[in-house]
Amino acid sequence: MALSTNKVELRARLEEARAKLDTELALVSESDARLAVLKGEISVCDVVAYQIGWGELLLGWEAAEKKGLAAIMPSDGFKWNELGALAKSFYVTHRNQSLAELRGAFRRTVKRIDRMLESMSEHELFRLRQRKWAGEKWPIAKWVQVNTIAPYTSARTKVRARKRSTIR
């Protein structure tokens, strides 16, 4: 997927990916939502927890920098070569939430990301070195795409595949 070229397009893609995933999630029953039937032996609830987790990290990196603090990346206690363990931490954090609760949290997280994007200029979003946490290789827009839009699309595919796993 090509990187969005402007803020309007980036925000529209974020909302479109969120809406498509949420539409698929609406088709999953609460009784099926915790079944570990997806690739990697995870559940639909785990998939949503993952999206929330990465969204919250993205928001946290930006919040830390606005406070003049160094963003801890990817997350406190985790290194970039420990993303599997980080994903599992998201599942554990959200293990007692129903699918309905997770969907609500997911929507709220995406709204907060959208507000963050709305508050930024085109320059901030699409030029390099606009935030310390974003580094020198990727603009913020790329971080947003990699941590939201692309994984939401992948998650939708996983959730759709669940139908084949549970309907036998």
N, C-alpha and C. Protein backbone atom coordinates (compact mmCIF):
# COMPACT_ATOMS: atom_id res chain seq x y z
N MET A 1 0.84 -1.17 0.00
CA MET A 1 0.00 0.00 0.00
C MET A 1 0.88 1.24 0.00
N ALA A 2 0.63 2.12 -0.94
CA ALA A 2 1.40 3.36 -1.04
C ALA A 2 1.05 4.27 0.13
N LEU A 3 2.02 5.06 0.54
CA LEU A 3 1.82 6.02 1.61
C LEU A 3 0.87 7.12 1.15
N SER A 4 -0.03 7.51 2.01
CA SER A 4 -0.92 8.63 1.71
C SER A 4 -0.07 9.85 1.35
N THR A 5 -0.64 10.73 0.54
CA THR A 5 0.11 11.90 0.09
C THR A 5 -0.30 13.19 0.80
N ASN A 6 -1.38 13.14 1.56
CA ASN A 6 -1.80 14.32 2.31
C ASN A 6 -2.60 13.90 3.53
N LYS A 7 -2.84 14.85 4.41
CA LYS A 7 -3.51 14.57 5.68
C LYS A 7 -4.94 14.08 5.48
N VAL A 8 -5.65 14.67 4.56
CA VAL A 8 -7.04 14.26 4.31
C VAL A 8 -7.08 12.79 3.90
N GLU A 9 -6.21 12.41 3.00
CA GLU A 9 -6.15 11.02 2.54
C GLU A 9 -5.74 10.07 3.67
N LEU A 10 -4.75 10.48 4.46
CA LEU A 10 -4.30 9.65 5.58
C LEU A 10 -5.43 9.41 6.57
N ARG A 11 -6.14 10.45 6.93
CA ARG A 11 -7.25 10.32 7.88
C ARG A 11 -8.38 9.48 7.29
N ALA A 12 -8.65 9.65 6.02
CA ALA A 12 -9.70 8.86 5.36
C ALA A 12 -9.33 7.38 5.32
N ARG A 13 -8.07 7.08 5.02
CA ARG A 13 -7.62 5.68 5.00
C ARG A 13 -7.68 5.05 6.39
N LEU A 14 -7.33 5.83 7.40
CA LEU A 14 -7.41 5.34 8.77
C LEU A 14 -8.85 4.97 9.10
N GLU A 15 -9.77 5.87 8.82
CA GLU A 15 -11.18 5.60 9.13
C GLU A 15 -11.73 4.46 8.30
N GLU A 16 -11.36 4.38 7.04
CA GLU A 16 -11.83 3.29 6.17
C GLU A 16 -11.34 1.94 6.69
N ALA A 17 -10.07 1.85 7.05
CA ALA A 17 -9.51 0.59 7.55
C ALA A 17 -10.17 0.22 8.88
N ARG A 18 -10.40 1.21 9.75
CA ARG A 18 -11.07 0.95 11.02
C ARG A 18 -12.48 0.44 10.80
N ALA A 19 -13.22 1.11 9.93
CA ALA A 19 -14.61 0.74 9.67
C ALA A 19 -14.72 -0.66 9.07
N LYS A 20 -13.83 -0.99 8.15
CA LYS A 20 -13.88 -2.32 7.54
C LYS A 20 -13.57 -3.41 8.56
N LEU A 21 -12.58 -3.17 9.41
CA LEU A 21 -12.29 -4.15 10.45
C LEU A 21 -13.45 -4.26 11.42
N ASP A 22 -13.99 -3.14 11.83
CA ASP A 22 -15.09 -3.16 12.79
C ASP A 22 -16.32 -3.86 12.22
N THR A 23 -16.56 -3.71 10.92
CA THR A 23 -17.67 -4.41 10.28
C THR A 23 -17.48 -5.92 10.38
N GLU A 24 -16.27 -6.40 10.16
CA GLU A 24 -15.99 -7.83 10.31
C GLU A 24 -16.14 -8.27 11.77
N LEU A 25 -15.68 -7.44 12.68
CA LEU A 25 -15.78 -7.79 14.10
C LEU A 25 -17.23 -7.90 14.55
N ALA A 26 -18.09 -7.11 13.95
CA ALA A 26 -19.51 -7.14 14.30
C ALA A 26 -20.15 -8.49 13.97
N LEU A 27 -19.54 -9.25 13.08
CA LEU A 27 -20.09 -10.55 12.67
C LEU A 27 -19.63 -11.69 13.56
N VAL A 28 -18.76 -11.40 14.53
CA VAL A 28 -18.21 -12.43 15.41
C VAL A 28 -19.04 -12.45 16.70
N SER A 29 -19.48 -13.63 17.08
CA SER A 29 -20.24 -13.75 18.32
C SER A 29 -19.30 -13.69 19.52
N GLU A 30 -19.83 -13.25 20.63
CA GLU A 30 -19.02 -13.22 21.87
C GLU A 30 -18.53 -14.62 22.21
N SER A 31 -19.35 -15.64 21.91
CA SER A 31 -18.95 -17.01 22.25
C SER A 31 -17.79 -17.50 21.39
N ASP A 32 -17.62 -16.95 20.21
CA ASP A 32 -16.51 -17.33 19.32
C ASP A 32 -15.29 -16.41 19.47
N ALA A 33 -15.47 -15.26 20.07
CA ALA A 33 -14.45 -14.22 20.07
C ALA A 33 -13.18 -14.61 20.81
N ARG A 34 -13.27 -15.51 21.76
CA ARG A 34 -12.07 -15.91 22.52
C ARG A 34 -11.50 -17.25 22.08
N LEU A 35 -12.08 -17.85 21.04
CA LEU A 35 -11.55 -19.11 20.53
C LEU A 35 -10.24 -18.84 19.79
N ALA A 36 -9.20 -19.56 20.13
CA ALA A 36 -7.88 -19.37 19.51
C ALA A 36 -7.81 -20.15 18.20
N VAL A 37 -8.53 -19.64 17.20
CA VAL A 37 -8.64 -20.35 15.93
C VAL A 37 -7.89 -19.65 14.79
N LEU A 38 -7.32 -18.51 15.07
CA LEU A 38 -6.63 -17.78 14.01
C LEU A 38 -5.17 -18.20 13.93
N LYS A 39 -4.55 -17.89 12.80
CA LYS A 39 -3.14 -18.21 12.61
C LYS A 39 -2.33 -17.65 13.78
N GLY A 40 -1.46 -18.48 14.33
CA GLY A 40 -0.68 -18.10 15.50
C GLY A 40 -1.38 -18.46 16.80
N GLU A 41 -2.46 -19.21 16.67
CA GLU A 41 -3.25 -19.64 17.83
C GLU A 41 -3.68 -18.47 18.70
N ILE A 42 -4.25 -17.47 18.02
CA ILE A 42 -4.80 -16.32 18.73
C ILE A 42 -6.28 -16.21 18.43
N SER A 43 -6.95 -15.42 19.24
CA SER A 43 -8.39 -15.23 19.08
C SER A 43 -8.69 -13.89 18.41
N VAL A 44 -9.94 -13.71 18.05
CA VAL A 44 -10.38 -12.43 17.50
C VAL A 44 -10.15 -11.33 18.54
N CYS A 45 -10.43 -11.61 19.80
CA CYS A 45 -10.18 -10.62 20.86
C CYS A 45 -8.70 -10.25 20.92
N ASP A 46 -7.83 -11.22 20.72
CA ASP A 46 -6.39 -10.94 20.71
C ASP A 46 -6.03 -10.01 19.55
N VAL A 47 -6.65 -10.23 18.41
CA VAL A 47 -6.39 -9.39 17.24
C VAL A 47 -6.78 -7.94 17.54
N VAL A 48 -7.91 -7.76 18.20
CA VAL A 48 -8.34 -6.39 18.53
C VAL A 48 -7.42 -5.80 19.60
N ALA A 49 -7.05 -6.59 20.58
CA ALA A 49 -6.13 -6.11 21.63
C ALA A 49 -4.82 -5.63 21.02
N TYR A 50 -4.34 -6.33 20.01
CA TYR A 50 -3.10 -5.95 19.32
C TYR A 50 -3.25 -4.57 18.66
N GLN A 51 -4.38 -4.35 18.01
CA GLN A 51 -4.61 -3.06 17.34
C GLN A 51 -4.67 -1.93 18.37
N ILE A 52 -5.34 -2.19 19.48
CA ILE A 52 -5.42 -1.19 20.55
C ILE A 52 -4.02 -0.93 21.10
N GLY A 53 -3.28 -1.99 21.36
CA GLY A 53 -1.94 -1.85 21.94
C GLY A 53 -1.03 -0.98 21.11
N TRP A 54 -0.96 -1.26 19.81
CA TRP A 54 -0.09 -0.46 18.95
C TRP A 54 -0.59 0.97 18.80
N GLY A 55 -1.90 1.14 18.76
CA GLY A 55 -2.45 2.50 18.69
C GLY A 55 -2.08 3.30 19.93
N GLU A 56 -2.19 2.66 21.08
CA GLU A 56 -1.84 3.34 22.33
C GLU A 56 -0.35 3.66 22.39
N LEU A 57 0.48 2.78 21.85
CA LEU A 57 1.92 3.07 21.81
C LEU A 57 2.18 4.31 20.96
N LEU A 58 1.59 4.35 19.79
CA LEU A 58 1.75 5.49 18.89
C LEU A 58 1.35 6.79 19.59
N LEU A 59 0.20 6.77 20.24
CA LEU A 59 -0.26 7.95 20.98
C LEU A 59 0.69 8.29 22.12
N GLY A 60 1.20 7.28 22.76
CA GLY A 60 2.13 7.48 23.87
C GLY A 60 3.45 8.09 23.44
N TRP A 61 3.96 7.68 22.28
CA TRP A 61 5.20 8.26 21.78
C TRP A 61 5.04 9.76 21.56
N GLU A 62 3.92 10.11 20.95
CA GLU A 62 3.65 11.52 20.67
C GLU A 62 3.44 12.29 21.98
N ALA A 63 2.69 11.73 22.91
CA ALA A 63 2.44 12.40 24.19
C ALA A 63 3.74 12.62 24.97
N ALA A 64 4.61 11.63 24.96
CA ALA A 64 5.89 11.76 25.66
C ALA A 64 6.69 12.92 25.09
N GLU A 65 6.77 12.98 23.78
CA GLU A 65 7.56 14.05 23.17
C GLU A 65 6.95 15.42 23.46
N LYS A 66 5.63 15.51 23.44
CA LYS A 66 4.99 16.79 23.74
C LYS A 66 5.29 17.25 25.16
N LYS A 67 5.52 16.30 26.06
CA LYS A 67 5.87 16.62 27.44
C LYS A 67 7.38 16.85 27.61
N GLY A 68 8.12 16.74 26.52
CA GLY A 68 9.56 16.94 26.58
C GLY A 68 10.31 15.71 27.05
N LEU A 69 9.65 14.56 27.03
CA LEU A 69 10.27 13.31 27.45
C LEU A 69 10.70 12.50 26.23
N ALA A 70 11.61 11.60 26.44
CA ALA A 70 12.01 10.68 25.37
C ALA A 70 10.97 9.57 25.28
N ALA A 71 10.51 9.29 24.09
CA ALA A 71 9.57 8.18 23.89
C ALA A 71 10.32 6.87 24.06
N ILE A 72 9.74 5.95 24.80
CA ILE A 72 10.34 4.63 24.97
C ILE A 72 9.76 3.74 23.88
N MET A 73 10.64 3.28 22.99
CA MET A 73 10.18 2.53 21.83
C MET A 73 10.82 1.16 21.75
N PRO A 74 10.06 0.14 21.41
CA PRO A 74 8.63 0.25 21.13
C PRO A 74 7.79 0.46 22.40
N SER A 75 8.19 -0.10 23.53
CA SER A 75 7.44 0.05 24.78
C SER A 75 8.36 -0.24 25.95
N ASP A 76 8.01 0.29 27.09
CA ASP A 76 8.81 0.07 28.29
C ASP A 76 8.95 -1.43 28.54
N GLY A 77 10.20 -1.88 28.66
CA GLY A 77 10.47 -3.29 28.93
C GLY A 77 10.60 -4.16 27.70
N PHE A 78 10.45 -3.58 26.51
CA PHE A 78 10.53 -4.37 25.27
C PHE A 78 11.49 -3.70 24.29
N LYS A 79 12.20 -4.55 23.55
CA LYS A 79 13.08 -4.08 22.48
C LYS A 79 12.42 -4.43 21.15
N TRP A 80 12.94 -3.86 20.08
CA TRP A 80 12.36 -4.11 18.76
C TRP A 80 12.44 -5.58 18.35
N ASN A 81 13.37 -6.33 18.91
CA ASN A 81 13.46 -7.75 18.57
C ASN A 81 12.59 -8.61 19.49
N GLU A 82 11.72 -7.98 20.27
CA GLU A 82 10.82 -8.70 21.19
C GLU A 82 9.35 -8.38 20.92
N LEU A 83 9.02 -8.19 19.65
CA LEU A 83 7.66 -7.79 19.30
C LEU A 83 6.64 -8.90 19.57
N GLY A 84 7.06 -10.14 19.49
CA GLY A 84 6.15 -11.24 19.82
C GLY A 84 5.73 -11.19 21.29
N ALA A 85 6.69 -10.94 22.15
CA ALA A 85 6.39 -10.81 23.58
C ALA A 85 5.54 -9.57 23.84
N LEU A 86 5.79 -8.50 23.10
CA LEU A 86 4.98 -7.30 23.23
C LEU A 86 3.53 -7.58 22.84
N ALA A 87 3.34 -8.29 21.75
CA ALA A 87 1.98 -8.67 21.32
C ALA A 87 1.29 -9.47 22.41
N LYS A 88 2.00 -10.43 22.98
CA LYS A 88 1.40 -11.23 24.06
C LYS A 88 1.03 -10.36 25.25
N SER A 89 1.80 -9.33 25.51
CA SER A 89 1.45 -8.43 26.62
C SER A 89 0.14 -7.69 26.34
N PHE A 90 -0.11 -7.37 25.07
CA PHE A 90 -1.40 -6.75 24.72
C PHE A 90 -2.55 -7.72 24.99
N TYR A 91 -2.35 -9.00 24.64
CA TYR A 91 -3.40 -10.00 24.86
C TYR A 91 -3.70 -10.13 26.35
N VAL A 92 -2.64 -10.16 27.15
CA VAL A 92 -2.81 -10.30 28.60
C VAL A 92 -3.52 -9.07 29.18
N THR A 93 -3.12 -7.90 28.74
CA THR A 93 -3.72 -6.66 29.24
C THR A 93 -5.23 -6.65 29.02
N HIS A 94 -5.66 -7.18 27.89
CA HIS A 94 -7.08 -7.10 27.51
C HIS A 94 -7.83 -8.43 27.65
N ARG A 95 -7.24 -9.40 28.34
CA ARG A 95 -7.82 -10.75 28.37
C ARG A 95 -9.18 -10.83 29.04
N ASN A 96 -9.51 -9.89 29.90
CA ASN A 96 -10.79 -9.95 30.61
C ASN A 96 -11.88 -9.08 29.98
N GLN A 97 -11.59 -8.53 28.82
CA GLN A 97 -12.58 -7.69 28.15
C GLN A 97 -13.34 -8.49 27.11
N SER A 98 -14.62 -8.20 27.00
CA SER A 98 -15.44 -8.84 25.98
C SER A 98 -15.11 -8.23 24.62
N LEU A 99 -15.56 -8.89 23.58
CA LEU A 99 -15.35 -8.35 22.24
C LEU A 99 -16.02 -6.98 22.12
N ALA A 100 -17.21 -6.84 22.67
CA ALA A 100 -17.90 -5.54 22.61
C ALA A 100 -17.08 -4.46 23.30
N GLU A 101 -16.50 -4.76 24.44
CA GLU A 101 -15.66 -3.79 25.15
C GLU A 101 -14.40 -3.46 24.34
N LEU A 102 -13.81 -4.48 23.75
CA LEU A 102 -12.62 -4.26 22.93
C LEU A 102 -12.93 -3.42 21.70
N ARG A 103 -14.06 -3.68 21.08
CA ARG A 103 -14.45 -2.88 19.91
C ARG A 103 -14.63 -1.42 20.30
N GLY A 104 -15.22 -1.18 21.46
CA GLY A 104 -15.37 0.20 21.93
C GLY A 104 -14.02 0.85 22.18
N ALA A 105 -13.13 0.12 22.82
CA ALA A 105 -11.78 0.64 23.09
C ALA A 105 -11.03 0.90 21.79
N PHE A 106 -11.19 0.01 20.82
CA PHE A 106 -10.56 0.16 19.52
C PHE A 106 -11.05 1.45 18.84
N ARG A 107 -12.36 1.65 18.82
CA ARG A 107 -12.92 2.86 18.21
C ARG A 107 -12.41 4.13 18.91
N ARG A 108 -12.35 4.09 20.23
CA ARG A 108 -11.86 5.26 20.97
C ARG A 108 -10.38 5.53 20.67
N THR A 109 -9.59 4.48 20.57
CA THR A 109 -8.17 4.65 20.25
C THR A 109 -8.00 5.27 18.87
N VAL A 110 -8.75 4.78 17.91
CA VAL A 110 -8.65 5.33 16.55
C VAL A 110 -9.10 6.79 16.53
N LYS A 111 -10.14 7.12 17.29
CA LYS A 111 -10.57 8.53 17.34
C LYS A 111 -9.47 9.42 17.90
N ARG A 112 -8.78 8.92 18.92
CA ARG A 112 -7.68 9.69 19.49
C ARG A 112 -6.54 9.84 18.49
N ILE A 113 -6.26 8.80 17.72
CA ILE A 113 -5.22 8.89 16.68
C ILE A 113 -5.65 9.90 15.62
N ASP A 114 -6.91 9.86 15.24
CA ASP A 114 -7.41 10.80 14.24
C ASP A 114 -7.30 12.24 14.75
N ARG A 115 -7.62 12.47 16.02
CA ARG A 115 -7.47 13.82 16.59
C ARG A 115 -6.00 14.25 16.58
N MET A 116 -5.11 13.30 16.86
CA MET A 116 -3.68 13.60 16.80
C MET A 116 -3.29 14.04 15.39
N LEU A 117 -3.76 13.29 14.39
CA LEU A 117 -3.45 13.62 12.99
C LEU A 117 -4.04 14.97 12.62
N GLU A 118 -5.25 15.22 13.05
CA GLU A 118 -5.92 16.48 12.75
C GLU A 118 -5.12 17.66 13.30
N SER A 119 -4.50 17.47 14.45
CA SER A 119 -3.76 18.56 15.09
C SER A 119 -2.41 18.84 14.43
N MET A 120 -1.96 17.95 13.58
CA MET A 120 -0.65 18.11 12.95
C MET A 120 -0.78 18.74 11.57
N SER A 121 0.26 19.44 11.19
CA SER A 121 0.29 20.03 9.85
C SER A 121 0.73 18.98 8.83
N GLU A 122 0.51 19.30 7.57
CA GLU A 122 1.00 18.43 6.49
C GLU A 122 2.52 18.26 6.63
N HIS A 123 3.17 19.36 6.92
CA HIS A 123 4.63 19.35 7.08
C HIS A 123 5.04 18.36 8.17
N GLU A 124 4.40 18.44 9.32
CA GLU A 124 4.73 17.53 10.43
C GLU A 124 4.49 16.08 10.05
N LEU A 125 3.41 15.83 9.35
CA LEU A 125 3.05 14.45 9.01
C LEU A 125 3.91 13.82 7.92
N PHE A 126 4.33 14.61 6.96
CA PHE A 126 4.94 14.02 5.77
C PHE A 126 6.42 14.35 5.56
N ARG A 127 7.00 15.15 6.41
CA ARG A 127 8.43 15.45 6.31
C ARG A 127 9.20 14.68 7.36
N LEU A 128 10.41 14.37 7.05
CA LEU A 128 11.28 13.65 7.98
C LEU A 128 11.71 14.55 9.14
N ARG A 129 12.09 13.91 10.24
CA ARG A 129 12.67 14.58 11.41
C ARG A 129 11.74 15.61 12.06
N GLN A 130 10.45 15.31 12.06
CA GLN A 130 9.50 16.21 12.71
C GLN A 130 9.29 15.87 14.18
N ARG A 131 9.64 14.65 14.55
CA ARG A 131 9.59 14.21 15.94
C ARG A 131 10.80 13.33 16.18
N LYS A 132 11.35 13.43 17.38
CA LYS A 132 12.48 12.57 17.72
C LYS A 132 12.07 11.11 17.63
N TRP A 133 10.87 10.80 18.12
CA TRP A 133 10.44 9.39 18.13
C TRP A 133 10.28 8.84 16.71
N ALA A 134 9.97 9.68 15.75
CA ALA A 134 9.78 9.20 14.38
C ALA A 134 11.11 8.93 13.68
N GLY A 135 12.18 9.48 14.20
CA GLY A 135 13.49 9.20 13.64
C GLY A 135 13.76 9.92 12.34
N GLU A 136 14.79 9.46 11.66
CA GLU A 136 15.25 10.14 10.46
C GLU A 136 14.89 9.42 9.17
N LYS A 137 14.30 8.23 9.28
CA LYS A 137 14.02 7.45 8.07
C LYS A 137 12.56 7.49 7.64
N TRP A 138 11.65 7.69 8.59
CA TRP A 138 10.22 7.67 8.29
C TRP A 138 9.54 8.94 8.78
N PRO A 139 8.64 9.50 7.96
CA PRO A 139 7.80 10.58 8.45
C PRO A 139 6.72 10.00 9.38
N ILE A 140 6.09 10.85 10.14
CA ILE A 140 5.03 10.39 11.05
C ILE A 140 3.94 9.64 10.30
N ALA A 141 3.60 10.11 9.11
CA ALA A 141 2.55 9.44 8.33
C ALA A 141 2.88 7.97 8.08
N LYS A 142 4.13 7.66 7.85
CA LYS A 142 4.55 6.27 7.65
C LYS A 142 4.37 5.47 8.94
N TRP A 143 4.74 6.05 10.08
CA TRP A 143 4.54 5.37 11.37
C TRP A 143 3.06 5.09 11.60
N VAL A 144 2.22 6.05 11.23
CA VAL A 144 0.77 5.86 11.39
C VAL A 144 0.30 4.73 10.50
N GLN A 145 0.73 4.73 9.26
CA GLN A 145 0.30 3.67 8.34
C GLN A 145 0.76 2.30 8.82
N VAL A 146 2.00 2.19 9.24
CA VAL A 146 2.56 0.90 9.64
C VAL A 146 1.95 0.38 10.95
N ASN A 147 1.51 1.29 11.80
CA ASN A 147 0.98 0.88 13.10
C ASN A 147 -0.55 0.89 13.19
N THR A 148 -1.21 1.34 12.12
CA THR A 148 -2.68 1.36 12.15
C THR A 148 -3.26 0.80 10.85
N ILE A 149 -3.19 1.54 9.80
CA ILE A 149 -3.89 1.19 8.56
C ILE A 149 -3.49 -0.18 8.04
N ALA A 150 -2.21 -0.44 7.89
CA ALA A 150 -1.76 -1.74 7.37
C ALA A 150 -2.15 -2.89 8.31
N PRO A 151 -1.91 -2.79 9.63
CA PRO A 151 -2.32 -3.90 10.48
C PRO A 151 -3.84 -4.06 10.59
N TYR A 152 -4.61 -2.98 10.44
CA TYR A 152 -6.07 -3.13 10.47
C TYR A 152 -6.52 -3.94 9.26
N THR A 153 -5.88 -3.69 8.13
CA THR A 153 -6.21 -4.44 6.91
C THR A 153 -5.83 -5.91 7.08
N SER A 154 -4.67 -6.16 7.64
CA SER A 154 -4.24 -7.54 7.90
C SER A 154 -5.17 -8.22 8.92
N ALA A 155 -5.55 -7.49 9.94
CA ALA A 155 -6.44 -8.04 10.96
C ALA A 155 -7.80 -8.40 10.36
N ARG A 156 -8.28 -7.58 9.47
CA ARG A 156 -9.56 -7.86 8.82
C ARG A 156 -9.48 -9.19 8.05
N THR A 157 -8.37 -9.40 7.38
CA THR A 157 -8.17 -10.66 6.65
C THR A 157 -8.18 -11.84 7.62
N LYS A 158 -7.51 -11.70 8.76
CA LYS A 158 -7.48 -12.77 9.77
C LYS A 158 -8.87 -13.05 10.31
N VAL A 159 -9.61 -12.00 10.60
CA VAL A 159 -10.95 -12.17 11.16
C VAL A 159 -11.86 -12.82 10.13
N ARG A 160 -11.73 -12.44 8.89
CA ARG A 160 -12.54 -13.06 7.83
C ARG A 160 -12.19 -14.54 7.68
N ALA A 161 -10.91 -14.87 7.82
CA ALA A 161 -10.46 -16.26 7.71
C ALA A 161 -11.04 -17.11 8.84
N ARG A 162 -11.34 -16.50 9.95
CA ARG A 162 -11.91 -17.20 11.09
C ARG A 162 -13.21 -17.89 10.73
N LYS A 163 -13.95 -17.32 9.82
CA LYS A 163 -15.21 -17.94 9.40
C LYS A 163 -14.97 -19.36 8.89
N ARG A 164 -13.90 -19.52 8.14
CA ARG A 164 -13.59 -20.85 7.60
C ARG A 164 -13.15 -21.81 8.71
N SER A 165 -12.51 -21.26 9.76
CA SER A 165 -12.04 -22.09 10.86
C SER A 165 -13.16 -22.54 11.79
N THR A 166 -14.15 -21.68 11.96
CA THR A 166 -15.21 -21.98 12.93
C THR A 166 -16.45 -22.57 12.29
N ILE A 167 -16.58 -22.46 10.99
CA ILE A 167 -17.74 -23.03 10.30
C ILE A 167 -17.31 -24.34 9.64
N ARG A 168 -17.49 -25.42 10.36
CA ARG A 168 -17.12 -26.75 9.83
C ARG A 168 -18.19 -27.73 10.14
